């Protein structure tokens, strides 16, 4: 049985995909790749780091809300200098 949080993340991913496939085909590939990369990065966050997990989940919710608004065509993510490689 899956935890309710895992289920929420899967439902959020599906929601992202539904919205992205309704976007302009010229920007769709960029949005798909960015979304996949963000979810893969989120999957690498240790489960015990609750603050980081919560931050990533809330950030994804904000991006999902913005995509639903209809005027967003691409996404970017702010990376603090301390986390850049």
Protein backbone atom coordinates (compact mmCIF):
# COMPACT_ATOMS: atom_id res chain seq x y z
CA UNK A 1 0.00 0.00 0.00
CA UNK A 2 1.26 3.46 -0.88
CA UNK A 3 1.41 6.35 1.51
CA UNK A 4 -1.01 9.18 0.96
CA UNK A 5 1.91 11.53 0.22
CA UNK A 6 3.20 9.32 -2.60
CA UNK A 7 -0.29 9.22 -4.03
CA UNK A 8 -0.52 13.01 -3.86
CA UNK A 9 2.79 13.35 -5.70
CA UNK A 10 1.64 10.95 -8.43
CA UNK A 11 -1.64 12.82 -8.83
CA UNK A 12 0.27 16.11 -9.03
CA UNK A 13 2.53 14.66 -11.74
CA UNK A 14 -0.52 13.56 -13.73
CA UNK A 15 -2.03 17.02 -13.35
CA UNK A 16 1.19 18.58 -14.68
CA UNK A 17 1.10 16.26 -17.70
CA UNK A 18 -2.56 17.03 -18.46
CA UNK A 19 -1.92 20.76 -18.40
CA UNK A 20 1.32 20.59 -20.38
CA UNK A 21 -0.27 18.58 -23.18
CA UNK A 22 -2.84 21.36 -23.57
CA UNK A 23 -0.09 23.95 -24.10
CA UNK A 24 1.35 25.17 -27.39
CA UNK A 25 3.23 22.32 -29.14
CA UNK A 26 6.28 24.54 -29.72
CA UNK A 27 6.83 24.91 -25.94
CA UNK A 28 5.49 21.52 -24.87
CA UNK A 29 8.79 19.62 -25.12
CA UNK A 30 10.60 22.17 -22.96
CA UNK A 31 7.85 22.04 -20.32
CA UNK A 32 7.78 18.24 -20.34
CA UNK A 33 11.54 17.93 -19.91
CA UNK A 34 11.63 20.55 -17.16
CA UNK A 35 8.79 18.84 -15.28
CA UNK A 36 10.41 15.42 -15.54
CA UNK A 37 13.73 16.80 -14.35
CA UNK A 38 12.11 18.52 -11.37
CA UNK A 39 10.28 15.37 -10.30
CA UNK A 40 13.45 13.28 -10.68
CA UNK A 41 15.35 15.77 -8.53
CA UNK A 42 12.56 15.65 -5.96
CA UNK A 43 12.72 11.87 -5.87
CA UNK A 44 16.37 12.10 -4.80
CA UNK A 45 15.55 14.12 -1.68
CA UNK A 46 16.02 11.92 1.40
CA UNK A 47 12.66 10.99 2.93
CA UNK A 48 13.83 12.00 6.39
CA UNK A 49 14.61 15.57 5.27
CA UNK A 50 11.05 16.72 5.89
CA UNK A 51 11.78 20.41 5.41
CA UNK A 52 13.29 19.86 1.94
CA UNK A 53 10.45 17.51 0.93
CA UNK A 54 7.84 20.00 2.11
CA UNK A 55 9.58 22.86 0.30
CA UNK A 56 9.78 20.90 -2.97
CA UNK A 57 6.14 19.86 -2.70
CA UNK A 58 4.97 23.43 -2.05
CA UNK A 59 7.11 24.76 -4.89
CA UNK A 60 5.57 22.20 -7.25
CA UNK A 61 2.08 23.24 -6.09
CA UNK A 62 2.88 26.88 -6.88
CA UNK A 63 4.19 25.97 -10.34
CA UNK A 64 1.13 23.82 -11.00
CA UNK A 65 -1.14 26.70 -10.02
CA UNK A 66 0.74 29.05 -12.35
CA UNK A 67 0.51 26.61 -15.23
CA UNK A 68 -3.23 26.31 -14.67
CA UNK A 69 -3.58 30.07 -15.09
CA UNK A 70 -2.89 29.62 -18.80
CA UNK A 71 -0.47 32.48 -19.40
CA UNK A 72 2.68 30.52 -18.43
CA UNK A 73 4.62 29.01 -21.32
CA UNK A 74 7.88 27.96 -19.61
CA UNK A 75 9.32 27.28 -16.14
CA UNK A 76 12.54 28.16 -14.40
CA UNK A 77 13.85 27.34 -10.95
CA UNK A 78 15.89 29.52 -8.65
CA UNK A 79 19.00 27.77 -7.36
CA UNK A 80 20.82 29.47 -4.46
CA UNK A 81 24.55 30.03 -4.92
CA UNK A 82 25.29 27.57 -2.11
CA UNK A 83 23.62 24.73 -4.09
CA UNK A 84 25.10 25.46 -7.52
CA UNK A 85 27.72 23.14 -8.90
